[in-house]
PDB file of all heavy atoms in Angstrom:
ATOM      1  N   PHE A   1      60.391 114.518  92.875  1.00  0.00           N
ATOM      2  CA  PHE A   1      59.754 113.196  92.983  1.00  0.00           C
ATOM      3  C   PHE A   1      60.788 112.102  92.742  1.00  0.00           C
ATOM      4  O   PHE A   1      60.906 111.151  93.532  1.00  0.00           O
ATOM      5  CB  PHE A   1      58.624 113.102  91.975  1.00  0.00           C
ATOM      6  CG  PHE A   1      58.027 111.717  91.855  1.00  0.00           C
ATOM      7  CD1 PHE A   1      57.056 111.285  92.745  1.00  0.00           C
ATOM      8  CD2 PHE A   1      58.449 110.825  90.843  1.00  0.00           C
ATOM      9  CE1 PHE A   1      56.516 110.019  92.660  1.00  0.00           C
ATOM     10  CE2 PHE A   1      57.899 109.569  90.754  1.00  0.00           C
ATOM     11  CZ  PHE A   1      56.944 109.154  91.645  1.00  0.00           C
ATOM     12  N   ALA A   2      61.543 112.231  91.660  1.00  0.00           N
ATOM     13  CA  ALA A   2      62.541 111.207  91.325  1.00  0.00           C
ATOM     14  C   ALA A   2      63.638 111.166  92.368  1.00  0.00           C
ATOM     15  O   ALA A   2      64.095 110.092  92.779  1.00  0.00           O
ATOM     16  CB  ALA A   2      63.118 111.480  89.944  1.00  0.00           C
ATOM     17  N   ARG A   3      64.074 112.343  92.812  1.00  0.00           N
ATOM     18  CA  ARG A   3      65.130 112.371  93.834  1.00  0.00           C
ATOM     19  C   ARG A   3      64.670 111.732  95.119  1.00  0.00           C
ATOM     20  O   ARG A   3      65.422 111.054  95.835  1.00  0.00           O
ATOM     21  CB  ARG A   3      65.605 113.804  94.071  1.00  0.00           C
ATOM     22  CG  ARG A   3      66.264 114.450  92.855  1.00  0.00           C
ATOM     23  CD  ARG A   3      67.040 115.727  93.266  1.00  0.00           C
ATOM     24  NE  ARG A   3      66.240 116.667  94.042  1.00  0.00           N
ATOM     25  CZ  ARG A   3      65.471 117.617  93.528  1.00  0.00           C
ATOM     26  NH1 ARG A   3      65.371 117.743  92.195  1.00  0.00           N
ATOM     27  NH2 ARG A   3      64.780 118.428  94.292  1.00  0.00           N
ATOM     28  N   GLY A   4      63.380 111.942  95.459  1.00  0.00           N
ATOM     29  CA  GLY A   4      62.835 111.312  96.664  1.00  0.00           C
ATOM     30  C   GLY A   4      62.793 109.800  96.551  1.00  0.00           C
ATOM     31  O   GLY A   4      63.090 109.099  97.542  1.00  0.00           O
ATOM     32  N   LYS A   5      62.451 109.295  95.394  1.00  0.00           N
ATOM     33  CA  LYS A   5      62.459 107.858  95.188  1.00  0.00           C
ATOM     34  C   LYS A   5      63.872 107.292  95.348  1.00  0.00           C
ATOM     35  O   LYS A   5      64.085 106.252  96.000  1.00  0.00           O
ATOM     36  CB  LYS A   5      61.937 107.509  93.796  1.00  0.00           C
ATOM     37  CG  LYS A   5      60.453 107.679  93.595  1.00  0.00           C
ATOM     38  CD  LYS A   5      59.707 106.513  94.191  1.00  0.00           C
ATOM     39  CE  LYS A   5      58.209 106.606  93.834  1.00  0.00           C
ATOM     40  NZ  LYS A   5      57.395 105.814  94.766  1.00  0.00           N
ATOM     41  N   LEU A   6      64.818 107.961  94.740  1.00  0.00           N
ATOM     42  CA  LEU A   6      66.209 107.497  94.836  1.00  0.00           C
ATOM     43  C   LEU A   6      66.731 107.551  96.264  1.00  0.00           C
ATOM     44  O   LEU A   6      67.473 106.668  96.691  1.00  0.00           O
ATOM     45  CB  LEU A   6      67.093 108.327  93.913  1.00  0.00           C
ATOM     46  CG  LEU A   6      66.843 108.160  92.403  1.00  0.00           C
ATOM     47  CD1 LEU A   6      67.683 109.140  91.602  1.00  0.00           C
ATOM     48  CD2 LEU A   6      67.119 106.728  91.977  1.00  0.00           C
ATOM     49  N   ARG A   7      66.315 108.556  96.996  1.00  0.00           N
ATOM     50  CA  ARG A   7      66.777 108.650  98.405  1.00  0.00           C
ATOM     51  C   ARG A   7      66.150 107.526  99.229  1.00  0.00           C
ATOM     52  O   ARG A   7      66.836 106.934 100.087  1.00  0.00           O
ATOM     53  CB  ARG A   7      66.433 110.013  98.997  1.00  0.00           C
ATOM     54  CG  ARG A   7      67.073 110.237 100.368  1.00  0.00           C
ATOM     55  CD  ARG A   7      66.947 111.680 100.822  1.00  0.00           C
ATOM     56  NE  ARG A   7      67.700 112.580  99.963  1.00  0.00           N
ATOM     57  CZ  ARG A   7      69.002 112.844 100.113  1.00  0.00           C
ATOM     58  NH1 ARG A   7      69.695 112.250 101.070  1.00  0.00           N
ATOM     59  NH2 ARG A   7      69.591 113.690  99.297  1.00  0.00           N
ATOM     60  N   ALA A   8      64.900 107.222  98.981  1.00  0.00           N
ATOM     61  CA  ALA A   8      64.250 106.112  99.720  1.00  0.00           C
ATOM     62  C   ALA A   8      64.912 104.786  99.361  1.00  0.00           C
ATOM     63  O   ALA A   8      65.116 103.929 100.211  1.00  0.00           O
ATOM     64  CB  ALA A   8      62.761 106.058  99.405  1.00  0.00           C
ATOM     65  N   CYS A   9      65.279 104.620  98.080  1.00  0.00           N
ATOM     66  CA  CYS A   9      65.998 103.428  97.654  1.00  0.00           C
ATOM     67  C   CYS A   9      67.331 103.319  98.398  1.00  0.00           C
ATOM     68  O   CYS A   9      67.681 102.250  98.913  1.00  0.00           O
ATOM     69  CB  CYS A   9      66.209 103.474  96.142  1.00  0.00           C
ATOM     70  SG  CYS A   9      67.262 102.153  95.510  1.00  0.00           S
ATOM     71  N   ARG A  10      68.038 104.423  98.428  1.00  0.00           N
ATOM     72  CA  ARG A  10      69.344 104.433  99.125  1.00  0.00           C
ATOM     73  C   ARG A  10      69.154 104.142 100.612  1.00  0.00           C
ATOM     74  O   ARG A  10      69.931 103.382 101.212  1.00  0.00           O
ATOM     75  CB  ARG A  10      70.035 105.768  98.900  1.00  0.00           C
ATOM     76  CG  ARG A  10      71.417 105.875  99.571  1.00  0.00           C
ATOM     77  CD  ARG A  10      72.225 107.017  99.021  1.00  0.00           C
ATOM     78  NE  ARG A  10      72.603 106.784  97.627  1.00  0.00           N
ATOM     79  CZ  ARG A  10      73.634 106.033  97.255  1.00  0.00           C
ATOM     80  NH1 ARG A  10      74.374 105.395  98.162  1.00  0.00           N
ATOM     81  NH2 ARG A  10      73.910 105.867  95.973  1.00  0.00           N
ATOM     82  N   TYR A  11      68.137 104.728 101.204  1.00  0.00           N
ATOM     83  CA  TYR A  11      67.888 104.478 102.634  1.00  0.00           C
ATOM     84  C   TYR A  11      67.658 102.990 102.884  1.00  0.00           C
ATOM     85  O   TYR A  11      68.232 102.398 103.809  1.00  0.00           O
ATOM     86  CB  TYR A  11      66.691 105.276 103.141  1.00  0.00           C
ATOM     87  CG  TYR A  11      66.323 104.942 104.571  1.00  0.00           C
ATOM     88  CD1 TYR A  11      66.942 105.615 105.628  1.00  0.00           C
ATOM     89  CD2 TYR A  11      65.402 103.940 104.877  1.00  0.00           C
ATOM     90  CE1 TYR A  11      66.638 105.302 106.945  1.00  0.00           C
ATOM     91  CE2 TYR A  11      65.114 103.619 106.181  1.00  0.00           C
ATOM     92  CZ  TYR A  11      65.735 104.282 107.210  1.00  0.00           C
ATOM     93  OH  TYR A  11      65.447 103.967 108.508  1.00  0.00           O
ATOM     94  N   HIS A  12      66.826 102.383 102.059  1.00  0.00           N
ATOM     95  CA  HIS A  12      66.518 100.955 102.282  1.00  0.00           C
ATOM     96  C   HIS A  12      67.802 100.108 102.129  1.00  0.00           C
ATOM     97  O   HIS A  12      68.056  99.235 102.942  1.00  0.00           O
ATOM     98  CB  HIS A  12      65.469 100.480 101.308  1.00  0.00           C
ATOM     99  CG  HIS A  12      65.008  99.059 101.582  1.00  0.00           C
ATOM    100  ND1 HIS A  12      63.938  98.784 102.395  1.00  0.00           N
ATOM    101  CD2 HIS A  12      65.529  97.880 101.189  1.00  0.00           C
ATOM    102  CE1 HIS A  12      63.803  97.454 102.489  1.00  0.00           C
ATOM    103  NE2 HIS A  12      64.753  96.885 101.762  1.00  0.00           N
ATOM    104  N   CYS A  13      68.561 100.403 101.098  1.00  0.00           N
ATOM    105  CA  CYS A  13      69.764  99.595 100.867  1.00  0.00           C
ATOM    106  C   CYS A  13      70.812  99.798 101.943  1.00  0.00           C
ATOM    107  O   CYS A  13      71.491  98.848 102.349  1.00  0.00           O
ATOM    108  CB  CYS A  13      70.351  99.931  99.487  1.00  0.00           C
ATOM    109  SG  CYS A  13      69.320  99.357  98.101  1.00  0.00           S
ATOM    110  N   GLU A  14      70.952 101.024 102.424  1.00  0.00           N
ATOM    111  CA  GLU A  14      71.992 101.320 103.394  1.00  0.00           C
ATOM    112  C   GLU A  14      71.579 101.033 104.843  1.00  0.00           C
ATOM    113  O   GLU A  14      72.384 100.604 105.653  1.00  0.00           O
ATOM    114  CB  GLU A  14      72.437 102.782 103.267  1.00  0.00           C
ATOM    115  CG  GLU A  14      73.145 103.082 101.948  1.00  0.00           C
ATOM    116  CD  GLU A  14      73.507 104.551 101.800  1.00  0.00           C
ATOM    117  OE1 GLU A  14      72.989 105.401 102.571  1.00  0.00           O
ATOM    118  OE2 GLU A  14      74.298 104.873 100.893  1.00  0.00           O
ATOM    119  N   ALA A  15      70.297 101.281 105.166  1.00  0.00           N
ATOM    120  CA  ALA A  15      69.831 101.159 106.544  1.00  0.00           C
ATOM    121  C   ALA A  15      69.097  99.857 106.824  1.00  0.00           C
ATOM    122  O   ALA A  15      69.129  99.352 107.940  1.00  0.00           O
ATOM    123  CB  ALA A  15      68.928 102.352 106.901  1.00  0.00           C
ATOM    124  N   GLU A  16      68.408  99.306 105.820  1.00  0.00           N
ATOM    125  CA  GLU A  16      67.568  98.140 106.044  1.00  0.00           C
ATOM    126  C   GLU A  16      68.220  96.828 105.599  1.00  0.00           C
ATOM    127  O   GLU A  16      68.038  95.794 106.257  1.00  0.00           O
ATOM    128  CB  GLU A  16      66.224  98.320 105.333  1.00  0.00           C
ATOM    129  CG  GLU A  16      65.410  99.512 105.845  1.00  0.00           C
ATOM    130  CD  GLU A  16      64.937  99.356 107.267  1.00  0.00           C
ATOM    131  OE1 GLU A  16      64.717  98.202 107.713  1.00  0.00           O
ATOM    132  OE2 GLU A  16      64.775 100.382 107.979  1.00  0.00           O
ATOM    133  N   LEU A  17      68.958  96.837 104.491  1.00  0.00           N
ATOM    134  CA  LEU A  17      69.604  95.588 104.055  1.00  0.00           C
ATOM    135  C   LEU A  17      70.578  95.025 105.066  1.00  0.00           C
ATOM    136  O   LEU A  17      70.673  93.792 105.201  1.00  0.00           O
ATOM    137  CB  LEU A  17      70.256  95.780 102.687  1.00  0.00           C
ATOM    138  CG  LEU A  17      69.298  95.839 101.494  1.00  0.00           C
ATOM    139  CD1 LEU A  17      70.089  95.931 100.179  1.00  0.00           C
ATOM    140  CD2 LEU A  17      68.351  94.639 101.451  1.00  0.00           C
ATOM    141  N   PRO A  18      71.326  95.867 105.818  1.00  0.00           N
ATOM    142  CA  PRO A  18      72.154  95.267 106.872  1.00  0.00           C
ATOM    143  C   PRO A  18      71.347  94.480 107.903  1.00  0.00           C
ATOM    144  O   PRO A  18      71.812  93.462 108.426  1.00  0.00           O
ATOM    145  CB  PRO A  18      72.846  96.490 107.506  1.00  0.00           C
ATOM    146  CG  PRO A  18      72.909  97.496 106.406  1.00  0.00           C
ATOM    147  CD  PRO A  18      71.619  97.300 105.644  1.00  0.00           C
ATOM    148  N   LYS A  19      70.104  94.924 108.180  1.00  0.00           N
ATOM    149  CA  LYS A  19      69.235  94.188 109.090  1.00  0.00           C
ATOM    150  C   LYS A  19      68.863  92.837 108.488  1.00  0.00           C
ATOM    151  O   LYS A  19      68.727  91.836 109.199  1.00  0.00           O
ATOM    152  CB  LYS A  19      67.980  95.009 109.420  1.00  0.00           C
ATOM    153  CG  LYS A  19      68.251  96.343 110.076  1.00  0.00           C
ATOM    154  CD  LYS A  19      66.952  97.111 110.242  1.00  0.00           C
ATOM    155  CE  LYS A  19      67.197  98.512 110.783  1.00  0.00           C
ATOM    156  NZ  LYS A  19      65.936  99.289 110.867  1.00  0.00           N
ATOM    157  N   ALA A  20      68.663  92.823 107.172  1.00  0.00           N
ATOM    158  CA  ALA A  20      68.340  91.574 106.483  1.00  0.00           C
ATOM    159  C   ALA A  20      69.481  90.592 106.648  1.00  0.00           C
ATOM    160  O   ALA A  20      69.256  89.402 106.961  1.00  0.00           O
ATOM    161  CB  ALA A  20      68.060  91.829 105.016  1.00  0.00           C
ATOM    162  N   ARG A  21      70.690  91.058 106.421  1.00  0.00           N
ATOM    163  CA  ARG A  21      71.838  90.170 106.518  1.00  0.00           C
ATOM    164  C   ARG A  21      72.025  89.663 107.932  1.00  0.00           C
ATOM    165  O   ARG A  21      72.439  88.501 108.160  1.00  0.00           O
ATOM    166  CB  ARG A  21      73.098  90.879 106.006  1.00  0.00           C
ATOM    167  CG  ARG A  21      73.015  91.200 104.505  1.00  0.00           C
ATOM    168  CD  ARG A  21      74.385  91.633 103.940  1.00  0.00           C
ATOM    169  NE  ARG A  21      74.838  92.906 104.453  1.00  0.00           N
ATOM    170  CZ  ARG A  21      74.502  94.087 103.935  1.00  0.00           C
ATOM    171  NH1 ARG A  21      73.695  94.161 102.886  1.00  0.00           N
ATOM    172  NH2 ARG A  21      74.980  95.209 104.444  1.00  0.00           N
ATOM    173  N   GLN A  22      71.701  90.496 108.912  1.00  0.00           N
ATOM    174  CA  GLN A  22      71.775  90.062 110.303  1.00  0.00           C
ATOM    175  C   GLN A  22      70.774  88.941 110.583  1.00  0.00           C
ATOM    176  O   GLN A  22      71.106  87.940 111.225  1.00  0.00           O
ATOM    177  CB  GLN A  22      71.517  91.250 111.230  1.00  0.00           C
ATOM    178  CG  GLN A  22      71.606  90.906 112.720  1.00  0.00           C
ATOM    179  CD  GLN A  22      71.295  92.102 113.598  1.00  0.00           C
ATOM    180  OE1 GLN A  22      70.869  93.151 113.128  1.00  0.00           O
ATOM    181  NE2 GLN A  22      71.540  91.965 114.891  1.00  0.00           N
ATOM    182  N   ASN A  23      69.552  89.110 110.116  1.00  0.00           N
ATOM    183  CA  ASN A  23      68.534  88.073 110.292  1.00  0.00           C
ATOM    184  C   ASN A  23      68.927  86.787 109.603  1.00  0.00           C
ATOM    185  O   ASN A  23      68.797  85.691 110.157  1.00  0.00           O
ATOM    186  CB  ASN A  23      67.182  88.551 109.755  1.00  0.00           C
ATOM    187  CG  ASN A  23      66.305  89.182 110.821  1.00  0.00           C
ATOM    188  OD1 ASN A  23      65.941  88.536 111.794  1.00  0.00           O
ATOM    189  ND2 ASN A  23      65.969  90.450 110.632  1.00  0.00           N
ATOM    190  N   LEU A  24      69.438  86.895 108.387  1.00  0.00           N
ATOM    191  CA  LEU A  24      69.816  85.706 107.629  1.00  0.00           C
ATOM    192  C   LEU A  24      71.003  84.996 108.253  1.00  0.00           C
ATOM    193  O   LEU A  24      71.041  83.753 108.308  1.00  0.00           O
ATOM    194  CB  LEU A  24      70.114  86.111 106.185  1.00  0.00           C
ATOM    195  CG  LEU A  24      68.892  86.597 105.380  1.00  0.00           C
ATOM    196  CD1 LEU A  24      69.344  87.232 104.088  1.00  0.00           C
ATOM    197  CD2 LEU A  24      67.917  85.451 105.124  1.00  0.00           C
ATOM    198  N   ALA A  25      71.948  85.762 108.776  1.00  0.00           N
ATOM    199  CA  ALA A  25      73.082  85.160 109.441  1.00  0.00           C
ATOM    200  C   ALA A  25      72.644  84.387 110.696  1.00  0.00           C
ATOM    201  O   ALA A  25      73.162  83.303 111.007  1.00  0.00           O
ATOM    202  CB  ALA A  25      74.121  86.223 109.818  1.00  0.00           C
ATOM    203  N   PHE A  26      71.671  84.943 111.409  1.00  0.00           N
ATOM    204  CA  PHE A  26      71.145  84.281 112.584  1.00  0.00           C
ATOM    205  C   PHE A  26      70.489  82.941 112.197  1.00  0.00           C
ATOM    206  O   PHE A  26      70.705  81.914 112.859  1.00  0.00           O
ATOM    207  CB  PHE A  26      70.113  85.188 113.267  1.00  0.00           C
ATOM    208  CG  PHE A  26      69.462  84.578 114.474  1.00  0.00           C
ATOM    209  CD1 PHE A  26      70.124  84.499 115.683  1.00  0.00           C
ATOM    210  CD2 PHE A  26      68.186  84.070 114.401  1.00  0.00           C
ATOM    211  CE1 PHE A  26      69.517  83.948 116.811  1.00  0.00           C
ATOM    212  CE2 PHE A  26      67.568  83.501 115.514  1.00  0.00           C
ATOM    213  CZ  PHE A  26      68.237  83.437 116.725  1.00  0.00           C
TER     214      PHE A  26
END
């Protein structure tokens, strides 16, 4: 359970936050 939470956290930070920065830069 804990490892799954940490993996989802890592996924969001690595895969989704770059999209955030792209939107903000735009």
